Protein backbone atom coordinates (compact mmCIF):
# COMPACT_ATOMS: atom_id res chain seq x y z
CA MET A 1 11.53 -10.53 -1.33
CA TRP A 2 9.95 -13.70 -0.72
CA LYS A 3 7.88 -15.97 -3.07
CA TRP A 4 5.08 -18.25 -1.94
CA GLU A 5 4.23 -20.87 -4.61
CA VAL A 6 1.10 -23.34 -5.03
CA SER A 7 0.52 -26.23 -7.58
CA ASN A 8 -1.16 -25.16 -10.95
CA ALA A 9 -1.49 -21.46 -10.08
CA LYS A 10 -3.64 -19.48 -12.10
CA GLY A 11 -1.82 -16.20 -11.57
CA VAL A 12 0.52 -14.27 -9.17
CA PHE A 13 -0.20 -11.66 -6.61
CA VAL A 14 2.43 -8.85 -5.87
CA ILE A 15 1.58 -7.34 -2.77
CA VAL A 16 2.89 -4.01 -1.22
CA HIS A 17 2.56 -3.00 2.47
CA GLY A 18 2.34 0.18 3.92
CA ALA A 19 4.52 2.67 5.78
CA GLY A 20 6.26 1.31 8.89
CA GLU A 21 5.31 -2.15 8.22
CA HIS A 22 6.90 -5.17 6.63
CA HIS A 23 5.90 -8.53 4.53
CA GLY A 24 5.61 -10.41 7.91
CA ARG A 25 2.54 -9.00 8.73
CA TYR A 26 0.68 -10.33 5.60
CA SER A 27 0.93 -14.04 6.50
CA TRP A 28 -2.97 -14.13 6.53
CA LEU A 29 -3.79 -12.59 3.38
CA VAL A 30 -0.87 -14.43 1.69
CA GLU A 31 -2.27 -17.66 2.85
CA LYS A 32 -5.67 -16.59 1.52
CA TRP A 33 -4.58 -15.96 -2.05
CA ASN A 34 -2.46 -19.28 -2.04
CA GLU A 35 -5.64 -21.08 -0.89
CA GLU A 36 -7.15 -19.53 -4.10
CA GLY A 37 -4.49 -20.78 -6.45
CA PHE A 38 -2.28 -17.72 -6.87
CA HIS A 39 1.64 -17.45 -6.21
CA VAL A 40 2.38 -14.40 -4.04
CA ILE A 41 5.56 -12.17 -4.42
CA MET A 42 6.16 -9.80 -1.47
CA GLY A 43 9.30 -8.12 -0.29
CA ASP A 44 9.83 -5.24 2.43
CA LEU A 45 10.18 -1.45 0.78
CA PRO A 46 13.35 0.24 1.28
CA GLY A 47 14.04 1.57 4.93
CA GLN A 48 11.24 -0.83 6.30
CA GLY A 49 11.39 -4.48 7.72
CA THR A 50 14.55 -6.26 6.93
CA THR A 51 15.96 -4.12 4.30
CA THR A 52 19.59 -2.71 5.18
CA ARG A 53 18.23 0.81 4.21
CA ARG A 54 18.78 3.45 7.23
CA ARG A 55 15.18 2.55 8.76
CA GLY A 56 12.39 5.12 7.94
CA HIS A 57 14.33 6.83 5.43
CA ILE A 58 14.28 7.07 1.60
CA ASP A 59 16.47 9.65 -0.72
CA SER A 60 13.49 9.69 -3.44
CA PHE A 61 10.08 8.20 -3.91
CA ASN A 62 11.60 6.40 -6.81
CA ASP A 63 13.20 3.94 -4.40
CA TYR A 64 9.84 2.59 -4.00
CA ILE A 65 8.75 2.63 -7.60
CA GLU A 66 11.84 0.84 -8.62
CA THR A 67 11.43 -1.67 -6.16
CA VAL A 68 8.16 -2.77 -6.84
CA ALA A 69 8.89 -2.57 -10.76
CA GLY A 70 11.50 -5.12 -9.49
CA TRP A 71 8.92 -7.56 -8.04
CA VAL A 72 6.84 -7.24 -10.98
CA GLU A 73 9.81 -8.27 -13.17
CA GLN A 74 9.89 -11.30 -10.80
CA ALA A 75 6.24 -12.21 -11.36
CA GLU A 76 6.60 -11.97 -15.01
CA GLN A 77 8.94 -15.18 -15.27
CA TYR A 78 5.78 -17.27 -14.05
CA LYS A 79 4.33 -16.17 -17.19
CA LEU A 80 0.74 -15.88 -15.62
CA PRO A 81 -1.47 -12.96 -15.15
CA ILE A 82 -0.17 -10.73 -12.55
CA TYR A 83 -2.10 -8.85 -9.76
CA LEU A 84 -1.01 -5.86 -8.03
CA LEU A 85 -2.50 -5.28 -4.47
CA GLY A 86 -0.96 -2.00 -2.49
CA HIS A 87 -2.05 -1.19 1.34
CA SER A 88 -2.07 2.49 2.50
CA MET A 89 1.21 4.10 1.50
CA GLY A 90 1.67 0.79 -0.66
CA GLY A 91 -1.47 1.88 -2.51
CA LEU A 92 0.15 5.06 -3.31
CA VAL A 93 3.26 3.30 -4.37
CA VAL A 94 1.35 0.88 -6.61
CA ILE A 95 -0.52 4.01 -8.44
CA ARG A 96 2.78 5.96 -8.79
CA THR A 97 4.50 2.92 -10.05
CA LEU A 98 1.81 2.36 -12.71
CA MET A 99 2.02 5.90 -13.67
CA GLU A 100 5.53 5.71 -14.57
CA LYS A 101 6.17 2.29 -15.69
CA ASP A 102 4.45 0.25 -18.19
CA LEU A 103 3.60 -2.99 -16.44
CA PRO A 104 1.60 -6.23 -17.68
CA ILE A 105 -0.76 -5.75 -14.67
CA GLU A 106 -4.36 -7.69 -15.01
CA VAL A 107 -6.10 -6.35 -11.97
CA VAL A 108 -5.05 -3.55 -9.54
CA LEU A 109 -6.35 -3.80 -5.70
CA LEU A 110 -6.06 -0.71 -3.27
CA SER A 111 -6.94 -1.03 0.29
CA SER A 112 -7.23 2.17 2.10
CA PRO A 113 -4.72 3.99 -0.07
CA CYS A 114 -2.74 6.91 1.32
CA LEU A 115 -3.81 9.86 -0.83
CA GLY A 116 -4.14 12.24 1.80
CA LEU A 117 -3.62 12.18 5.83
CA VAL A 118 -6.50 12.58 8.27
CA ARG A 119 -4.15 14.19 10.73
CA PRO A 120 -1.22 16.10 8.97
CA PRO A 121 1.69 17.99 10.55
CA SER A 122 0.78 21.26 11.73
CA LYS A 123 2.09 24.08 9.15
CA GLY A 124 4.84 24.87 11.43
CA LYS A 125 6.24 21.48 11.45
CA GLN A 126 5.67 21.35 7.49
CA ALA A 127 7.74 24.62 7.22
CA LEU A 128 10.33 23.07 9.22
CA ALA A 129 10.53 20.19 7.21
CA LYS A 130 11.14 22.15 3.99
CA VAL A 131 14.08 23.53 5.66
CA LEU A 132 15.34 20.46 6.91
CA ASN A 133 14.83 18.42 3.87
CA VAL A 134 17.50 20.58 2.38
CA PHE A 135 20.13 20.64 5.25
CA SER A 136 19.26 17.44 6.93
CA PRO A 137 17.26 15.22 4.96
CA ALA A 138 17.70 12.10 7.02
CA VAL A 139 16.69 13.48 10.46
CA ARG A 140 13.91 11.38 11.77
CA PHE A 141 10.74 12.16 13.84
CA PRO A 142 8.28 10.03 15.42
CA SER A 143 5.65 8.97 13.24
CA ASN A 144 3.15 9.97 16.03
CA LEU A 145 0.37 7.23 14.86
CA GLU A 146 -1.92 6.75 17.97
CA PRO A 147 -1.86 2.92 19.06
CA GLY A 148 -5.16 1.40 18.18
CA THR A 149 -6.01 3.42 15.24
CA ALA A 150 -5.05 1.13 12.24
CA THR A 151 -7.10 -1.85 13.23
CA ARG A 152 -9.28 -3.04 16.14
CA ASN A 153 -7.98 -6.65 15.93
CA GLU A 154 -6.53 -7.08 19.43
CA ASP A 155 -4.17 -9.99 18.42
CA VAL A 156 -2.77 -7.79 15.63
CA LEU A 157 -2.15 -4.99 18.02
CA GLN A 158 -0.34 -7.03 20.50
CA LYS A 159 1.99 -8.09 17.90
CA ASP A 160 2.58 -4.78 16.60
CA ALA A 161 3.59 -3.65 20.18
CA GLU A 162 6.05 -6.53 20.37
CA ASP A 163 7.21 -6.08 16.72
CA PRO A 164 11.14 -5.18 16.54
CA LEU A 165 10.78 -4.40 12.68
CA TYR A 166 8.17 -1.96 13.17
CA VAL A 167 9.41 1.67 12.02
CA ARG A 168 8.10 4.11 14.51
CA LYS A 169 10.42 7.05 13.30
CA VAL A 170 10.40 8.64 9.45
CA SER A 171 12.74 10.98 8.05
CA VAL A 172 12.15 14.42 6.83
CA ARG A 173 12.94 13.51 3.54
CA TRP A 174 10.49 10.61 3.85
CA TYR A 175 7.70 12.54 4.52
CA ARG A 176 8.58 15.30 1.96
CA GLU A 177 8.42 12.32 -0.77
CA LEU A 178 5.15 11.18 0.59
CA GLU A 179 3.55 14.69 0.30
CA LYS A 180 5.22 15.02 -3.20
CA ALA A 181 3.97 11.64 -4.39
CA MET A 182 0.35 12.50 -3.06
CA GLU A 183 0.30 15.73 -5.06
CA ILE A 184 1.44 13.99 -8.39
CA VAL A 185 -1.44 11.22 -7.84
CA HIS A 186 -4.18 13.86 -7.72
CA THR A 187 -2.75 16.63 -10.15
CA LYS A 188 -1.52 14.00 -13.11
CA ILE A 189 -4.67 11.61 -12.52
CA GLU A 190 -4.30 11.07 -16.18
CA LYS A 191 -1.25 9.19 -16.09
CA PHE A 192 -2.97 6.39 -14.65
CA PRO A 193 -3.22 3.74 -16.83
CA ASP A 194 -6.69 2.08 -18.09
CA MET A 195 -6.78 -1.23 -16.10
CA PRO A 196 -9.35 -3.03 -13.76
CA LEU A 197 -9.41 -1.33 -10.39
CA LEU A 198 -10.81 -2.12 -6.88
CA LEU A 199 -10.36 -0.18 -4.26
CA LEU A 200 -11.41 -1.37 -0.76
CA GLN A 201 -11.71 1.76 1.58
CA ALA A 202 -12.03 1.50 5.22
CA GLY A 203 -15.41 3.55 6.44
CA ASP A 204 -13.72 4.75 9.84
CA ASP A 205 -10.29 5.48 8.45
CA ARG A 206 -8.23 7.21 11.33
CA ILE A 207 -4.73 7.40 9.30
CA CYS A 208 -5.45 8.16 5.51
CA ASP A 209 -8.04 10.61 4.21
CA LYS A 210 -10.71 8.65 2.66
CA GLU A 211 -12.60 11.43 1.02
CA ARG A 212 -9.36 12.35 -0.94
CA ALA A 213 -9.27 8.59 -2.16
CA GLN A 214 -13.05 8.81 -3.16
CA GLU A 215 -12.41 11.99 -4.99
CA TRP A 216 -9.35 10.43 -6.79
CA PHE A 217 -11.29 7.05 -7.64
CA ASN A 218 -14.25 9.41 -9.11
CA ARG A 219 -11.92 11.22 -11.42
CA LEU A 220 -10.35 8.24 -12.96
CA LEU A 221 -11.45 7.61 -16.38
CA LEU A 222 -11.34 3.79 -16.31
CA ARG A 223 -13.28 1.48 -18.44
CA GLU A 224 -13.68 -1.06 -14.98
CA LYS A 225 -13.39 0.28 -11.60
CA ALA A 226 -15.49 -0.46 -8.25
CA TYR A 227 -15.27 1.41 -4.94
CA LYS A 228 -16.24 -0.62 -1.85
CA GLU A 229 -16.50 1.45 1.59
CA TRP A 230 -16.57 -0.78 4.70
CA GLU A 231 -18.69 1.01 7.45
CA GLY A 232 -16.93 0.94 10.54
CA LEU A 233 -13.85 -0.56 9.87
CA PHE A 234 -10.62 0.59 10.61
CA HIS A 235 -7.82 1.26 8.22
CA GLU A 236 -6.38 -1.92 7.87
CA VAL A 237 -9.56 -3.70 6.27
CA PHE A 238 -7.12 -7.07 5.90
CA ASN A 239 -6.60 -7.19 9.35
CA GLU A 240 -9.91 -6.16 10.91
CA PRO A 241 -12.44 -8.86 12.58
CA GLU A 242 -14.42 -8.54 9.25
CA ARG A 243 -11.38 -9.38 7.18
CA GLU A 244 -12.94 -12.70 5.71
CA GLU A 245 -15.79 -10.78 4.29
CA VAL A 246 -13.41 -8.23 3.02
CA PHE A 247 -11.45 -10.91 1.36
CA GLN A 248 -14.52 -12.55 -0.26
CA TYR A 249 -15.46 -9.34 -1.79
CA ALA A 250 -11.93 -9.00 -3.30
CA LYS A 251 -12.37 -12.57 -4.50
CA SER A 252 -15.50 -12.01 -6.18
CA PHE A 253 -14.16 -8.94 -7.84
CA MET A 254 -11.41 -11.45 -9.31
CA VAL A 255 -13.82 -14.00 -10.20
CA MET A 256 -16.05 -11.64 -12.36
CA ARG A 257 -12.51 -10.61 -14.09
CA GLN A 258 -12.00 -14.68 -14.78
CA LEU A 259 -15.42 -15.22 -16.49
């Protein structure tokens, strides 16, 4: 876990990254929130980035939940408002964490949350995964994400291609736990707490199913929520060429909350 601190901070952002990636891919976003007067706390989820867990593998989705809850606990030490931001699978982790833990979060921001997949494995592969999950849960397979599907930002794509920390294989158990987490989010939606929520959705998301995300959002019974779909943007809205516009929109939501 890392901390980026600023003088006279007005709050703390805890950021949760997506599948396969790590905290190092968020330097631009960290800098932007620092410039706006927020401390930032971020780490690498178990099995990803610099963590010592087996790469691309978890025993349970609870591994993620406990990790994020620990980051929030660290943020509480500042005694400032805490803001929780999750991207893609990190968005799913944030939702599941808030469903299971009573955390003092001021605002939740979700970026193209993984609440369904555009190209899920075939029925045959899913059947095989169920068997392997019992006998060989740590067996890993390529994630099969096509190059260029996450962002149109050429600089980011080039760095990703050369990134030794990027996880390109995931275990059978990891996938089964992802499936289970997505199902829980949809079937037990009433467990999500009533807190301000902003969902930023890529309009041309080729990884996570935007319709499933919007369906979940529409069913939420929250007093304050906002949904913004960015037409033509790929999955990683905070990496897209239009990311400054996306950030300013997120910032405006924050400003409204501080009035």
